[in-house]
C-alpha atoms as a PDB file:
ATOM      1  CA  MET A   1       8.487  15.313  -4.510  1.00  0.00           C
ATOM      2  CA  THR A   2       6.343  15.024  -7.572  1.00  0.00           C
ATOM      3  CA  THR A   3       3.677  17.582  -8.332  1.00  0.00           C
ATOM      4  CA  ASP A   4       1.553  15.409 -10.628  1.00  0.00           C
ATOM      5  CA  HIS A   5      -0.958  13.633  -8.401  1.00  0.00           C
ATOM      6  CA  LYS A   6      -3.964  12.363 -10.349  1.00  0.00           C
ATOM      7  CA  PRO A   7      -4.911   8.956  -8.978  1.00  0.00           C
ATOM      8  CA  ARG A   8      -7.467   6.651 -10.538  1.00  0.00           C
ATOM      9  CA  LEU A   9     -10.498   6.755  -8.266  1.00  0.00           C
ATOM     10  CA  PHE A  10     -12.993   3.986  -7.561  1.00  0.00           C
ATOM     11  CA  ALA A  11     -16.700   4.157  -8.384  1.00  0.00           C
ATOM     12  CA  ARG A  12     -17.945   1.394  -6.095  1.00  0.00           C
ATOM     13  CA  ASP A  13     -17.076  -0.386  -2.861  1.00  0.00           C
ATOM     14  CA  SER A  14     -17.254  -3.666  -4.775  1.00  0.00           C
ATOM     15  CA  GLU A  15     -14.245  -2.662  -6.929  1.00  0.00           C
ATOM     16  CA  ILE A  16     -12.071  -2.326  -3.851  1.00  0.00           C
ATOM     17  CA  ARG A  17     -13.332  -5.533  -2.276  1.00  0.00           C
ATOM     18  CA  ALA A  18     -12.598  -7.342  -5.556  1.00  0.00           C
ATOM     19  CA  LEU A  19      -9.035  -5.979  -5.490  1.00  0.00           C
ATOM     20  CA  GLY A  20      -8.502  -7.118  -1.916  1.00  0.00           C
ATOM     21  CA  GLU A  21     -10.042 -10.525  -2.501  1.00  0.00           C
ATOM     22  CA  GLY A  22      -8.083 -10.934  -5.747  1.00  0.00           C
ATOM     23  CA  LEU A  23      -4.868 -10.076  -3.906  1.00  0.00           C
ATOM     24  CA  MET A  24      -5.605 -12.630  -1.194  1.00  0.00           C
ATOM     25  CA  ALA A  25      -6.618 -15.361  -3.644  1.00  0.00           C
ATOM     26  CA  CYS A  26      -3.824 -14.517  -6.129  1.00  0.00           C
ATOM     27  CA  THR A  27      -6.437 -14.081  -8.868  1.00  0.00           C
ATOM     28  CA  LEU A  28      -5.977 -10.361  -9.503  1.00  0.00           C
ATOM     29  CA  PRO A  29      -4.477  -9.648 -12.934  1.00  0.00           C
ATOM     30  CA  ARG A  30      -0.925  -8.293 -12.680  1.00  0.00           C
ATOM     31  CA  GLU A  31      -1.864  -5.071 -14.506  1.00  0.00           C
ATOM     32  CA  ALA A  32      -4.552  -4.350 -11.896  1.00  0.00           C
ATOM     33  CA  TRP A  33      -1.931  -4.186  -9.104  1.00  0.00           C
ATOM     34  CA  THR A  34      -1.448  -0.416  -9.340  1.00  0.00           C
ATOM     35  CA  HIS A  35      -0.512   2.166  -6.708  1.00  0.00           C
ATOM     36  CA  GLU A  36      -4.226   2.815  -6.196  1.00  0.00           C
ATOM     37  CA  ALA A  37      -4.880  -0.914  -5.815  1.00  0.00           C
ATOM     38  CA  HIS A  38      -2.102  -1.217  -3.230  1.00  0.00           C
ATOM     39  CA  LEU A  39      -3.643   1.515  -1.090  1.00  0.00           C
ATOM     40  CA  GLY A  40      -7.209   0.337  -1.660  1.00  0.00           C
ATOM     41  CA  ALA A  41      -6.295  -3.204  -0.646  1.00  0.00           C
ATOM     42  CA  CYS A  42      -4.407  -1.912   2.404  1.00  0.00           C
ATOM     43  CA  LEU A  43      -7.385   0.136   3.583  1.00  0.00           C
ATOM     44  CA  TRP A  44      -9.714  -2.825   2.905  1.00  0.00           C
ATOM     45  CA  LEU A  45      -7.480  -5.182   4.890  1.00  0.00           C
ATOM     46  CA  LEU A  46      -7.220  -2.774   7.814  1.00  0.00           C
ATOM     47  CA  SER A  47     -10.909  -1.908   7.938  1.00  0.00           C
ATOM     48  CA  GLU A  48     -12.731  -5.036   6.775  1.00  0.00           C
ATOM     49  CA  ARG A  49     -10.431  -7.976   7.520  1.00  0.00           C
ATOM     50  CA  PRO A  50      -9.690  -7.947  11.257  1.00  0.00           C
ATOM     51  CA  ASP A  51      -8.992 -11.685  10.944  1.00  0.00           C
ATOM     52  CA  ILE A  52      -5.752 -10.830   9.121  1.00  0.00           C
ATOM     53  CA  ASP A  53      -2.793  -9.560  11.131  1.00  0.00           C
ATOM     54  CA  ILE A  54      -1.571  -7.141   8.485  1.00  0.00           C
ATOM     55  CA  ASP A  55       1.676  -6.413  10.340  1.00  0.00           C
ATOM     56  CA  ALA A  56       2.617 -10.091  10.451  1.00  0.00           C
ATOM     57  CA  GLU A  57       1.134 -11.219   7.132  1.00  0.00           C
ATOM     58  CA  ILE A  58       1.413  -8.412   4.563  1.00  0.00           C
ATOM     59  CA  GLY A  59       4.875  -9.377   3.320  1.00  0.00           C
ATOM     60  CA  GLY A  60       3.813 -12.947   2.610  1.00  0.00           C
ATOM     61  CA  ILE A  61       0.535 -11.850   1.040  1.00  0.00           C
ATOM     62  CA  ILE A  62       2.194  -9.492  -1.444  1.00  0.00           C
ATOM     63  CA  ARG A  63       5.171 -11.776  -2.179  1.00  0.00           C
ATOM     64  CA  ARG A  64       2.817 -14.683  -2.873  1.00  0.00           C
ATOM     65  CA  PHE A  65       0.690 -12.511  -5.164  1.00  0.00           C
ATOM     66  CA  ASN A  66       3.750 -11.191  -7.030  1.00  0.00           C
ATOM     67  CA  GLU A  67       4.985 -14.729  -7.647  1.00  0.00           C
ATOM     68  CA  SER A  68       1.515 -15.866  -8.778  1.00  0.00           C
ATOM     69  CA  VAL A  69       1.612 -13.366 -11.652  1.00  0.00           C
ATOM     70  CA  GLY A  70       5.180 -14.187 -12.679  1.00  0.00           C
ATOM     71  CA  GLY A  71       6.879 -11.517 -10.590  1.00  0.00           C
ATOM     72  CA  ILE A  72      10.116 -11.907  -8.695  1.00  0.00           C
ATOM     73  CA  ASN A  73      10.789 -10.720  -5.154  1.00  0.00           C
ATOM     74  CA  ASP A  74      14.499  -9.998  -4.986  1.00  0.00           C
ATOM     75  CA  ASP A  75      16.948  -7.179  -4.257  1.00  0.00           C
ATOM     76  CA  THR A  76      15.693  -4.997  -7.137  1.00  0.00           C
ATOM     77  CA  GLN A  77      12.041  -5.843  -7.783  1.00  0.00           C
ATOM     78  CA  GLY A  78       8.853  -7.092  -6.215  1.00  0.00           C
ATOM     79  CA  TYR A  79       7.867  -6.652  -2.600  1.00  0.00           C
ATOM     80  CA  HIS A  80       9.390  -3.642  -0.802  1.00  0.00           C
ATOM     81  CA  ASP A  81       9.009  -3.935   2.963  1.00  0.00           C
ATOM     82  CA  SER A  82       9.838  -0.383   4.073  1.00  0.00           C
ATOM     83  CA  ILE A  83       7.544   1.257   1.499  1.00  0.00           C
ATOM     84  CA  THR A  84       4.729  -1.131   2.391  1.00  0.00           C
ATOM     85  CA  ARG A  85       5.098  -0.542   6.114  1.00  0.00           C
ATOM     86  CA  ALA A  86       5.290   3.232   5.623  1.00  0.00           C
ATOM     87  CA  TYR A  87       1.982   3.146   3.752  1.00  0.00           C
ATOM     88  CA  ILE A  88       0.396   0.896   6.378  1.00  0.00           C
ATOM     89  CA  ALA A  89       1.304   3.540   8.976  1.00  0.00           C
ATOM     90  CA  GLY A  90      -0.109   6.243   6.723  1.00  0.00           C
ATOM     91  CA  VAL A  91      -3.362   4.389   6.050  1.00  0.00           C
ATOM     92  CA  ARG A  92      -3.813   3.773   9.765  1.00  0.00           C
ATOM     93  CA  LEU A  93      -3.286   7.478  10.434  1.00  0.00           C
ATOM     94  CA  TYR A  94      -5.751   8.379   7.681  1.00  0.00           C
ATOM     95  CA  LEU A  95      -8.371   5.937   9.041  1.00  0.00           C
ATOM     96  CA  SER A  96      -8.049   7.441  12.517  1.00  0.00           C
ATOM     97  CA  ASP A  97      -8.866  10.897  11.144  1.00  0.00           C
ATOM     98  CA  THR A  98     -11.353  10.373   8.314  1.00  0.00           C
ATOM     99  CA  ALA A  99     -15.047  11.125   8.568  1.00  0.00           C
ATOM    100  CA  GLU A 100     -15.788   9.120   5.396  1.00  0.00           C
ATOM    101  CA  THR A 101     -17.803   5.956   6.001  1.00  0.00           C
ATOM    102  CA  GLY A 102     -18.200   4.159   2.662  1.00  0.00           C
ATOM    103  CA  LEU A 103     -15.302   2.031   1.457  1.00  0.00           C
ATOM    104  CA  ALA A 104     -14.920   3.721  -1.943  1.00  0.00           C
ATOM    105  CA  ALA A 105     -15.332   7.165  -0.388  1.00  0.00           C
ATOM    106  CA  ARG A 106     -12.606   6.387   2.175  1.00  0.00           C
ATOM    107  CA  VAL A 107     -10.225   4.963  -0.414  1.00  0.00           C
ATOM    108  CA  ASN A 108     -10.802   7.844  -2.849  1.00  0.00           C
ATOM    109  CA  ALA A 109     -10.263  10.442  -0.124  1.00  0.00           C
ATOM    110  CA  LEU A 110      -7.087   8.574   0.896  1.00  0.00           C
ATOM    111  CA  LEU A 111      -5.828   8.578  -2.692  1.00  0.00           C
ATOM    112  CA  LEU A 112      -6.431  12.323  -2.942  1.00  0.00           C
ATOM    113  CA  SER A 113      -4.744  13.023   0.403  1.00  0.00           C
ATOM    114  CA  ASP A 114      -1.040  13.565   1.056  1.00  0.00           C
ATOM    115  CA  VAL A 115      -0.760   9.954   2.265  1.00  0.00           C
ATOM    116  CA  GLY A 116      -2.037   8.731  -1.104  1.00  0.00           C
ATOM    117  CA  ARG A 117       0.782  10.338  -3.055  1.00  0.00           C
ATOM    118  CA  ARG A 118       3.321   8.052  -4.694  1.00  0.00           C
ATOM    119  CA  ASP A 119       6.150  10.058  -3.146  1.00  0.00           C
ATOM    120  CA  TRP A 120       4.692  10.192   0.379  1.00  0.00           C
ATOM    121  CA  PRO A 121       7.350   7.873   1.905  1.00  0.00           C
ATOM    122  CA  LEU A 122      10.055  10.311   0.745  1.00  0.00           C
ATOM    123  CA  ARG A 123       8.865  12.714   3.440  1.00  0.00           C
ATOM    124  CA  PHE A 124      10.400  10.292   5.934  1.00  0.00           C
ATOM    125  CA  TYR A 125      13.187   8.594   3.973  1.00  0.00           C
ATOM    126  CA  SER A 126      16.038   9.830   1.847  1.00  0.00           C
ATOM    127  CA  ARG A 127      15.820   8.389  -1.653  1.00  0.00           C
ATOM    128  CA  GLU A 128      19.117   6.560  -1.084  1.00  0.00           C
ATOM    129  CA  LEU A 129      17.880   4.766   2.032  1.00  0.00           C
ATOM    130  CA  LEU A 130      14.351   4.055   0.796  1.00  0.00           C
ATOM    131  CA  PHE A 131      15.569   2.437  -2.408  1.00  0.00           C
ATOM    132  CA  SER A 132      18.337   0.432  -0.762  1.00  0.00           C
ATOM    133  CA  VAL A 133      18.362  -3.360  -0.738  1.00  0.00           C
ATOM    134  CA  ALA A 134      18.084  -3.336   3.056  1.00  0.00           C
ATOM    135  CA  ALA A 135      14.883  -1.240   2.934  1.00  0.00           C
ATOM    136  CA  ARG A 136      13.387  -3.490   0.264  1.00  0.00           C
ATOM    137  CA  ARG A 137      14.213  -6.709   2.100  1.00  0.00           C
ATOM    138  CA  GLY A 138      13.148  -5.617   5.588  1.00  0.00           C
ATOM    139  CA  PHE A 139      11.799  -2.643   7.468  1.00  0.00           C
ATOM    140  CA  VAL A 140      14.350   0.115   7.938  1.00  0.00           C
ATOM    141  CA  GLU A 141      13.625   3.070  10.217  1.00  0.00           C
ATOM    142  CA  PRO A 142      13.320   6.366   8.318  1.00  0.00           C
ATOM    143  CA  ASP A 143      16.303   8.703   8.296  1.00  0.00           C
ATOM    144  CA  LEU A 144      14.517  12.063   7.766  1.00  0.00           C
ATOM    145  CA  ALA A 145      11.520  11.957  10.108  1.00  0.00           C
ATOM    146  CA  PRO A 146       9.656   9.309  12.122  1.00  0.00           C
ATOM    147  CA  LEU A 147       6.659   7.640  10.525  1.00  0.00           C
ATOM    148  CA  PRO A 148       3.282   8.665  11.943  1.00  0.00           C
END
């Protein structure tokens, strides 16, 4: 696990909504698709877009975005299903426990929490399994501990 955990925080709700909307419309600049943006967009989708079935649609949403900015979704790069689904579980858990009400406040608190860490999925997966082709291409159950 890494010890350096200094995420970029958001100043306004509108920044997070712009990330989510840019992801959906494939208008977000590639360089804006950071770890913080991934988690901010996930929380936005789960809390403000009940019309989107995140479990059914997230893979297509992120793959489409990646391709729109010249990215490739293959065995070594692009969309990673098991990491994405681990973070969805973590964001859901966080949302069930947080007292924060504003969008930016919720996202910032998430980013500063254990769930917001870049290495959080490694609490559940061995590095070998998490970074396997099978885990990238489809959801693979964790081998160290069950997801929340």
